[in-house]
Amino acid sequence: MADLKIKIFKNNESDPDTTITIPGKVLEVAQKLIPKQAAEALQEKGIDINELVELSNKSDVQGTIIEIEEHKKKEKVIISIE
């Protein structure tokens, strides 16, 4: 199982302000630990945690799978499987 990586960029910087790595082996458990409010916020952006877990189980899926840019906030979030 691959790792899930979430990178948050602010103010159009080329380096991420925050990087979150969830190791593949704990991803299934981690999805159960995500607060309901956070999961709902991801759902509002069209991100399904369960689908991310399924994708991480597939050996042929790698790289960026979701990229969200909020131009007014000057923020970008990249979710990738590595």
PDB file of N, CA and C in Angstrom:
ATOM      1  N   MET A   1       0.852  -1.181   0.000  1.00  0.00           N
ATOM      2  CA  MET A   1       0.000   0.000   0.000  1.00  0.00           C
ATOM      3  C   MET A   1       0.897   1.243   0.000  1.00  0.00           C
ATOM      4  N   ALA A   2       0.582   2.197  -0.863  1.00  0.00           N
ATOM      5  CA  ALA A   2       1.378   3.415  -0.998  1.00  0.00           C
ATOM      6  C   ALA A   2       1.006   4.435   0.074  1.00  0.00           C
ATOM      7  N   ASP A   3       1.907   5.395   0.279  1.00  0.00           N
ATOM      8  CA  ASP A   3       1.658   6.475   1.235  1.00  0.00           C
ATOM      9  C   ASP A   3       0.783   7.547   0.602  1.00  0.00           C
ATOM     10  N   LEU A   4      -0.033   8.192   1.433  1.00  0.00           N
ATOM     11  CA  LEU A   4      -0.843   9.321   1.000  1.00  0.00           C
ATOM     12  C   LEU A   4      -0.141  10.582   1.462  1.00  0.00           C
ATOM     13  N   LYS A   5       0.080  11.526   0.548  1.00  0.00           N
ATOM     14  CA  LYS A   5       0.780  12.750   0.882  1.00  0.00           C
ATOM     15  C   LYS A   5      -0.115  13.945   0.564  1.00  0.00           C
ATOM     16  N   ILE A   6      -0.238  14.856   1.518  1.00  0.00           N
ATOM     17  CA  ILE A   6      -1.007  16.084   1.329  1.00  0.00           C
ATOM     18  C   ILE A   6      -0.049  17.250   1.524  1.00  0.00           C
ATOM     19  N   LYS A   7       0.065  18.096   0.499  1.00  0.00           N
ATOM     20  CA  LYS A   7       0.953  19.259   0.569  1.00  0.00           C
ATOM     21  C   LYS A   7       0.106  20.522   0.448  1.00  0.00           C
ATOM     22  N   ILE A   8       0.362  21.464   1.349  1.00  0.00           N
ATOM     23  CA  ILE A   8      -0.371  22.722   1.349  1.00  0.00           C
ATOM     24  C   ILE A   8       0.604  23.852   1.054  1.00  0.00           C
ATOM     25  N   PHE A   9       0.313  24.578  -0.006  1.00  0.00           N
ATOM     26  CA  PHE A   9       1.141  25.706  -0.430  1.00  0.00           C
ATOM     27  C   PHE A   9       0.380  26.995  -0.149  1.00  0.00           C
ATOM     28  N   LYS A  10       1.051  28.008   0.374  1.00  0.00           N
ATOM     29  CA  LYS A  10       0.422  29.296   0.650  1.00  0.00           C
ATOM     30  C   LYS A  10       1.158  30.408  -0.065  1.00  0.00           C
ATOM     31  N   ASN A  11       0.420  31.451  -0.389  1.00  0.00           N
ATOM     32  CA  ASN A  11       0.978  32.655  -1.020  1.00  0.00           C
ATOM     33  C   ASN A  11       1.771  32.356  -2.286  1.00  0.00           C
ATOM     34  N   ASN A  12       1.294  31.385  -3.057  1.00  0.00           N
ATOM     35  CA  ASN A  12       1.921  31.028  -4.334  1.00  0.00           C
ATOM     36  C   ASN A  12       3.395  30.626  -4.206  1.00  0.00           C
ATOM     37  N   GLU A  13       3.789  30.152  -3.037  1.00  0.00           N
ATOM     38  CA  GLU A  13       5.164  29.694  -2.832  1.00  0.00           C
ATOM     39  C   GLU A  13       5.399  28.395  -3.590  1.00  0.00           C
ATOM     40  N   SER A  14       6.647  28.144  -3.988  1.00  0.00           N
ATOM     41  CA  SER A  14       6.958  26.906  -4.702  1.00  0.00           C
ATOM     42  C   SER A  14       7.216  25.739  -3.742  1.00  0.00           C
ATOM     43  N   ASP A  15       7.555  26.046  -2.493  1.00  0.00           N
ATOM     44  CA  ASP A  15       7.758  25.010  -1.481  1.00  0.00           C
ATOM     45  C   ASP A  15       6.516  24.936  -0.588  1.00  0.00           C
ATOM     46  N   PRO A  16       6.121  23.737  -0.193  1.00  0.00           N
ATOM     47  CA  PRO A  16       4.919  23.614   0.641  1.00  0.00           C
ATOM     48  C   PRO A  16       5.112  24.224   2.021  1.00  0.00           C
ATOM     49  N   ASP A  17       4.030  24.831   2.526  1.00  0.00           N
ATOM     50  CA  ASP A  17       4.012  25.368   3.888  1.00  0.00           C
ATOM     51  C   ASP A  17       3.848  24.207   4.873  1.00  0.00           C
ATOM     52  N   THR A  18       3.060  23.214   4.473  1.00  0.00           N
ATOM     53  CA  THR A  18       2.797  22.051   5.306  1.00  0.00           C
ATOM     54  C   THR A  18       2.771  20.799   4.435  1.00  0.00           C
ATOM     55  N   THR A  19       3.362  19.717   4.931  1.00  0.00           N
ATOM     56  CA  THR A  19       3.289  18.422   4.255  1.00  0.00           C
ATOM     57  C   THR A  19       2.831  17.388   5.274  1.00  0.00           C
ATOM     58  N   ILE A  20       1.805  16.646   4.893  1.00  0.00           N
ATOM     59  CA  ILE A  20       1.286  15.583   5.750  1.00  0.00           C
ATOM     60  C   ILE A  20       1.475  14.269   5.002  1.00  0.00           C
ATOM     61  N   THR A  21       2.136  13.320   5.642  1.00  0.00           N
ATOM     62  CA  THR A  21       2.327  12.002   5.038  1.00  0.00           C
ATOM     63  C   THR A  21       1.649  10.963   5.924  1.00  0.00           C
ATOM     64  N   ILE A  22       0.758  10.195   5.313  1.00  0.00           N
ATOM     65  CA  ILE A  22       0.101   9.114   6.037  1.00  0.00           C
ATOM     66  C   ILE A  22       0.607   7.808   5.422  1.00  0.00           C
ATOM     67  N   PRO A  23       1.413   7.047   6.180  1.00  0.00           N
ATOM     68  CA  PRO A  23       1.932   5.788   5.650  1.00  0.00           C
ATOM     69  C   PRO A  23       0.796   4.851   5.233  1.00  0.00           C
ATOM     70  N   GLY A  24       1.000   4.169   4.120  1.00  0.00           N
ATOM     71  CA  GLY A  24      -0.023   3.287   3.586  1.00  0.00           C
ATOM     72  C   GLY A  24      -0.527   2.260   4.572  1.00  0.00           C
ATOM     73  N   LYS A  25       0.349   1.736   5.393  1.00  0.00           N
ATOM     74  CA  LYS A  25      -0.055   0.688   6.328  1.00  0.00           C
ATOM     75  C   LYS A  25      -1.006   1.191   7.408  1.00  0.00           C
ATOM     76  N   VAL A  26      -0.991   2.479   7.691  1.00  0.00           N
ATOM     77  CA  VAL A  26      -1.905   3.007   8.710  1.00  0.00           C
ATOM     78  C   VAL A  26      -3.044   3.822   8.100  1.00  0.00           C
ATOM     79  N   LEU A  27      -3.063   3.910   6.776  1.00  0.00           N
ATOM     80  CA  LEU A  27      -4.075   4.731   6.106  1.00  0.00           C
ATOM     81  C   LEU A  27      -5.494   4.268   6.416  1.00  0.00           C
ATOM     82  N   GLU A  28      -5.720   2.969   6.393  1.00  0.00           N
ATOM     83  CA  GLU A  28      -7.065   2.468   6.674  1.00  0.00           C
ATOM     84  C   GLU A  28      -7.503   2.794   8.093  1.00  0.00           C
ATOM     85  N   VAL A  29      -6.584   2.710   9.038  1.00  0.00           N
ATOM     86  CA  VAL A  29      -6.900   3.066  10.421  1.00  0.00           C
ATOM     87  C   VAL A  29      -7.054   4.574  10.543  1.00  0.00           C
ATOM     88  N   ALA A  30      -6.189   5.321   9.873  1.00  0.00           N
ATOM     89  CA  ALA A  30      -6.216   6.782   9.954  1.00  0.00           C
ATOM     90  C   ALA A  30      -7.533   7.352   9.458  1.00  0.00           C
ATOM     91  N   GLN A  31      -8.116   6.732   8.439  1.00  0.00           N
ATOM     92  CA  GLN A  31      -9.379   7.248   7.914  1.00  0.00           C
ATOM     93  C   GLN A  31     -10.470   7.208   8.977  1.00  0.00           C
ATOM     94  N   LYS A  32     -10.379   6.257   9.884  1.00  0.00           N
ATOM     95  CA  LYS A  32     -11.364   6.148  10.957  1.00  0.00           C
ATOM     96  C   LYS A  32     -11.121   7.177  12.053  1.00  0.00           C
ATOM     97  N   LEU A  33      -9.900   7.723  12.110  1.00  0.00           N
ATOM     98  CA  LEU A  33      -9.550   8.690  13.144  1.00  0.00           C
ATOM     99  C   LEU A  33      -9.786  10.144  12.725  1.00  0.00           C
ATOM    100  N   ILE A  34     -10.074  10.347  11.454  1.00  0.00           N
ATOM    101  CA  ILE A  34     -10.291  11.714  10.961  1.00  0.00           C
ATOM    102  C   ILE A  34     -11.592  12.236  11.554  1.00  0.00           C
ATOM    103  N   PRO A  35     -11.536  13.419  12.181  1.00  0.00           N
ATOM    104  CA  PRO A  35     -12.760  13.985  12.766  1.00  0.00           C
ATOM    105  C   PRO A  35     -13.849  14.162  11.704  1.00  0.00           C
ATOM    106  N   LYS A  36     -15.094  13.970  12.125  1.00  0.00           N
ATOM    107  CA  LYS A  36     -16.228  14.067  11.207  1.00  0.00           C
ATOM    108  C   LYS A  36     -16.248  15.403  10.483  1.00  0.00           C
ATOM    109  N   GLN A  37     -15.936  16.476  11.200  1.00  0.00           N
ATOM    110  CA  GLN A  37     -15.941  17.817  10.614  1.00  0.00           C
ATOM    111  C   GLN A  37     -14.899  17.934   9.495  1.00  0.00           C
ATOM    112  N   ALA A  38     -13.725  17.358   9.707  1.00  0.00           N
ATOM    113  CA  ALA A  38     -12.674  17.394   8.684  1.00  0.00           C
ATOM    114  C   ALA A  38     -13.072  16.565   7.474  1.00  0.00           C
ATOM    115  N   ALA A  39     -13.663  15.401   7.716  1.00  0.00           N
ATOM    116  CA  ALA A  39     -14.110  14.550   6.613  1.00  0.00           C
ATOM    117  C   ALA A  39     -15.197  15.253   5.803  1.00  0.00           C
ATOM    118  N   GLU A  40     -16.088  15.963   6.487  1.00  0.00           N
ATOM    119  CA  GLU A  40     -17.140  16.706   5.790  1.00  0.00           C
ATOM    120  C   GLU A  40     -16.553  17.843   4.961  1.00  0.00           C
ATOM    121  N   ALA A  41     -15.512  18.505   5.486  1.00  0.00           N
ATOM    122  CA  ALA A  41     -14.861  19.584   4.739  1.00  0.00           C
ATOM    123  C   ALA A  41     -14.216  19.039   3.469  1.00  0.00           C
ATOM    124  N   LEU A  42     -13.614  17.862   3.563  1.00  0.00           N
ATOM    125  CA  LEU A  42     -13.029  17.229   2.384  1.00  0.00           C
ATOM    126  C   LEU A  42     -14.126  16.842   1.396  1.00  0.00           C
ATOM    127  N   GLN A  43     -15.234  16.325   1.908  1.00  0.00           N
ATOM    128  CA  GLN A  43     -16.356  15.951   1.041  1.00  0.00           C
ATOM    129  C   GLN A  43     -16.887  17.162   0.275  1.00  0.00           C
ATOM    130  N   GLU A  44     -16.926  18.323   0.948  1.00  0.00           N
ATOM    131  CA  GLU A  44     -17.397  19.550   0.290  1.00  0.00           C
ATOM    132  C   GLU A  44     -16.514  19.916  -0.901  1.00  0.00           C
ATOM    133  N   LYS A  45     -15.245  19.538  -0.841  1.00  0.00           N
ATOM    134  CA  LYS A  45     -14.319  19.802  -1.938  1.00  0.00           C
ATOM    135  C   LYS A  45     -14.283  18.638  -2.927  1.00  0.00           C
ATOM    136  N   GLY A  46     -15.161  17.667  -2.699  1.00  0.00           N
ATOM    137  CA  GLY A  46     -15.251  16.531  -3.615  1.00  0.00           C
ATOM    138  C   GLY A  46     -14.234  15.436  -3.357  1.00  0.00           C
ATOM    139  N   ILE A  47     -13.675  15.389  -2.148  1.00  0.00           N
ATOM    140  CA  ILE A  47     -12.655  14.391  -1.815  1.00  0.00           C
ATOM    141  C   ILE A  47     -13.276  13.327  -0.919  1.00  0.00           C
ATOM    142  N   ASP A  48     -13.267  12.087  -1.391  1.00  0.00           N
ATOM    143  CA  ASP A  48     -13.816  10.958  -0.656  1.00  0.00           C
ATOM    144  C   ASP A  48     -12.662  10.168  -0.033  1.00  0.00           C
ATOM    145  N   ILE A  49     -12.590  10.186   1.283  1.00  0.00           N
ATOM    146  CA  ILE A  49     -11.508   9.503   2.007  1.00  0.00           C
ATOM    147  C   ILE A  49     -11.476   8.011   1.660  1.00  0.00           C
ATOM    148  N   ASN A  50     -12.633   7.385   1.605  1.00  0.00           N
ATOM    149  CA  ASN A  50     -12.680   5.948   1.303  1.00  0.00           C
ATOM    150  C   ASN A  50     -12.091   5.658  -0.069  1.00  0.00           C
ATOM    151  N   GLU A  51     -12.358   6.519  -1.025  1.00  0.00           N
ATOM    152  CA  GLU A  51     -11.815   6.330  -2.373  1.00  0.00           C
ATOM    153  C   GLU A  51     -10.291   6.483  -2.369  1.00  0.00           C
ATOM    154  N   LEU A  52      -9.773   7.414  -1.571  1.00  0.00           N
ATOM    155  CA  LEU A  52      -8.322   7.579  -1.467  1.00  0.00           C
ATOM    156  C   LEU A  52      -7.662   6.315  -0.924  1.00  0.00           C
ATOM    157  N   VAL A  53      -8.295   5.711   0.067  1.00  0.00           N
ATOM    158  CA  VAL A  53      -7.761   4.464   0.636  1.00  0.00           C
ATOM    159  C   VAL A  53      -7.743   3.372  -0.434  1.00  0.00           C
ATOM    160  N   GLU A  54      -8.829   3.270  -1.206  1.00  0.00           N
ATOM    161  CA  GLU A  54      -8.882   2.260  -2.262  1.00  0.00           C
ATOM    162  C   GLU A  54      -7.807   2.505  -3.318  1.00  0.00           C
ATOM    163  N   LEU A  55      -7.612   3.775  -3.700  1.00  0.00           N
ATOM    164  CA  LEU A  55      -6.589   4.098  -4.691  1.00  0.00           C
ATOM    165  C   LEU A  55      -5.193   3.739  -4.199  1.00  0.00           C
ATOM    166  N   SER A  56      -4.941   3.959  -2.911  1.00  0.00           N
ATOM    167  CA  SER A  56      -3.609   3.670  -2.365  1.00  0.00           C
ATOM    168  C   SER A  56      -3.306   2.179  -2.378  1.00  0.00           C
ATOM    169  N   ASN A  57      -4.339   1.357  -2.462  1.00  0.00           N
ATOM    170  CA  ASN A  57      -4.161  -0.098  -2.527  1.00  0.00           C
ATOM    171  C   ASN A  57      -3.803  -0.590  -3.928  1.00  0.00           C
ATOM    172  N   LYS A  58      -3.978   0.264  -4.930  1.00  0.00           N
ATOM    173  CA  LYS A  58      -3.714  -0.132  -6.313  1.00  0.00           C
ATOM    174  C   LYS A  58      -2.268   0.194  -6.677  1.00  0.00           C
ATOM    175  N   SER A  59      -1.548  -0.801  -7.141  1.00  0.00           N
ATOM    176  CA  SER A  59      -0.124  -0.612  -7.446  1.00  0.00           C
ATOM    177  C   SER A  59       0.104   0.256  -8.683  1.00  0.00           C
ATOM    178  N   ASP A  60      -0.887   0.384  -9.543  1.00  0.00           N
ATOM    179  CA  ASP A  60      -0.703   1.162 -10.769  1.00  0.00           C
ATOM    180  C   ASP A  60      -1.053   2.643 -10.604  1.00  0.00           C
ATOM    181  N   VAL A  61      -1.467   3.062  -9.408  1.00  0.00           N
ATOM    182  CA  VAL A  61      -1.820   4.464  -9.164  1.00  0.00           C
ATOM    183  C   VAL A  61      -0.700   5.121  -8.372  1.00  0.00           C
ATOM    184  N   GLN A  62      -0.085   6.154  -8.965  1.00  0.00           N
ATOM    185  CA  GLN A  62       0.987   6.906  -8.303  1.00  0.00           C
ATOM    186  C   GLN A  62       0.940   8.347  -8.784  1.00  0.00           C
ATOM    187  N   GLY A  63       1.469   9.246  -7.957  1.00  0.00           N
ATOM    188  CA  GLY A  63       1.568  10.649  -8.335  1.00  0.00           C
ATOM    189  C   GLY A  63       0.384  11.467  -7.854  1.00  0.00           C
ATOM    190  N   THR A  64       0.266  12.672  -8.392  1.00  0.00           N
ATOM    191  CA  THR A  64      -0.794  13.603  -7.990  1.00  0.00           C
ATOM    192  C   THR A  64      -2.139  13.078  -8.459  1.00  0.00           C
ATOM    193  N   ILE A  65      -3.090  13.028  -7.508  1.00  0.00           N
ATOM    194  CA  ILE A  65      -4.432  12.588  -7.881  1.00  0.00           C
ATOM    195  C   ILE A  65      -5.455  13.709  -7.742  1.00  0.00           C
ATOM    196  N   ILE A  66      -5.159  14.687  -6.876  1.00  0.00           N
ATOM    197  CA  ILE A  66      -6.055  15.833  -6.705  1.00  0.00           C
ATOM    198  C   ILE A  66      -5.207  17.081  -6.489  1.00  0.00           C
ATOM    199  N   GLU A  67      -5.568  18.155  -7.171  1.00  0.00           N
ATOM    200  CA  GLU A  67      -4.917  19.446  -6.963  1.00  0.00           C
ATOM    201  C   GLU A  67      -6.010  20.507  -6.871  1.00  0.00           C
ATOM    202  N   ILE A  68      -6.061  21.193  -5.727  1.00  0.00           N
ATOM    203  CA  ILE A  68      -7.088  22.202  -5.483  1.00  0.00           C
ATOM    204  C   ILE A  68      -6.401  23.552  -5.326  1.00  0.00           C
ATOM    205  N   GLU A  69      -6.835  24.533  -6.099  1.00  0.00           N
ATOM    206  CA  GLU A  69      -6.288  25.885  -5.979  1.00  0.00           C
ATOM    207  C   GLU A  69      -7.399  26.833  -5.566  1.00  0.00           C
ATOM    208  N   GLU A  70      -7.170  27.538  -4.473  1.00  0.00           N
ATOM    209  CA  GLU A  70      -8.100  28.571  -4.024  1.00  0.00           C
ATOM    210  C   GLU A  70      -7.401  29.904  -4.238  1.00  0.00           C
ATOM    211  N   HIS A  71      -7.713  30.521  -5.362  1.00  0.00           N
ATOM    212  CA  HIS A  71      -6.995  31.722  -5.781  1.00  0.00           C
ATOM    213  C   HIS A  71      -7.195  32.907  -4.830  1.00  0.00           C
ATOM    214  N   LYS A  72      -8.381  33.082  -4.318  1.00  0.00           N
ATOM    215  CA  LYS A  72      -8.620  34.197  -3.398  1.00  0.00           C
ATOM    216  C   LYS A  72      -7.821  34.055  -2.117  1.00  0.00           C
ATOM    217  N   LYS A  73      -7.631  32.820  -1.672  1.00  0.00           N
ATOM    218  CA  LYS A  73      -6.851  32.555  -0.459  1.00  0.00           C
ATOM    219  C   LYS A  73      -5.366  32.402  -0.766  1.00  0.00           C
ATOM    220  N   LYS A  74      -5.024  32.370  -2.075  1.00  0.00           N
ATOM    221  CA  LYS A  74      -3.645  32.120  -2.505  1.00  0.00           C
ATOM    222  C   LYS A  74      -3.130  30.828  -1.864  1.00  0.00           C
ATOM    223  N   GLU A  75      -3.948  29.787  -1.983  1.00  0.00           N
ATOM    224  CA  GLU A  75      -3.621  28.516  -1.373  1.00  0.00           C
ATOM    225  C   GLU A  75      -3.829  27.391  -2.376  1.00  0.00           C
ATOM    226  N   LYS A  76      -2.953  26.399  -2.331  1.00  0.00           N
ATOM    227  CA  LYS A  76      -3.060  25.225  -3.193  1.00  0.00           C
ATOM    228  C   LYS A  76      -2.823  23.986  -2.340  1.00  0.00           C
ATOM    229  N   VAL A  77      -3.640  22.963  -2.573  1.00  0.00           N
ATOM    230  CA  VAL A  77      -3.504  21.689  -1.865  1.00  0.00           C
ATOM    231  C   VAL A  77      -3.310  20.606  -2.912  1.00  0.00           C
ATOM    232  N   ILE A  78      -2.269  19.801  -2.739  1.00  0.00           N
ATOM    233  CA  ILE A  78      -2.006  18.688  -3.639  1.00  0.00           C
ATOM    234  C   ILE A  78      -2.048  17.400  -2.838  1.00  0.00           C
ATOM    235  N   ILE A  79      -2.866  16.473  -3.309  1.00  0.00           N
ATOM    236  CA  ILE A  79      -2.951  15.154  -2.674  1.00  0.00           C
ATOM    237  C   ILE A  79      -2.376  14.150  -3.662  1.00  0.00           C
ATOM    238  N   SER A  80      -1.390  13.389  -3.191  1.00  0.00           N
ATOM    239  CA  SER A  80      -0.730  12.437  -4.081  1.00  0.00           C
ATOM    240  C   SER A  80      -0.536  11.100  -3.380  1.00  0.00           C
ATOM    241  N   ILE A  81      -0.344  10.088  -4.212  1.00  0.00           N
ATOM    242  CA  ILE A  81      -0.038   8.753  -3.712  1.00  0.00           C
ATOM    243  C   ILE A  81       1.380   8.436  -4.155  1.00  0.00           C
ATOM    244  N   GLU A  82       2.231   8.126  -3.190  1.00  0.00           N
ATOM    245  CA  GLU A  82       3.664   7.904  -3.492  1.00  0.00           C
ATOM    246  C   GLU A  82       4.149   6.610  -2.901  1.00  0.00           C
TER     247      GLU A  82
END
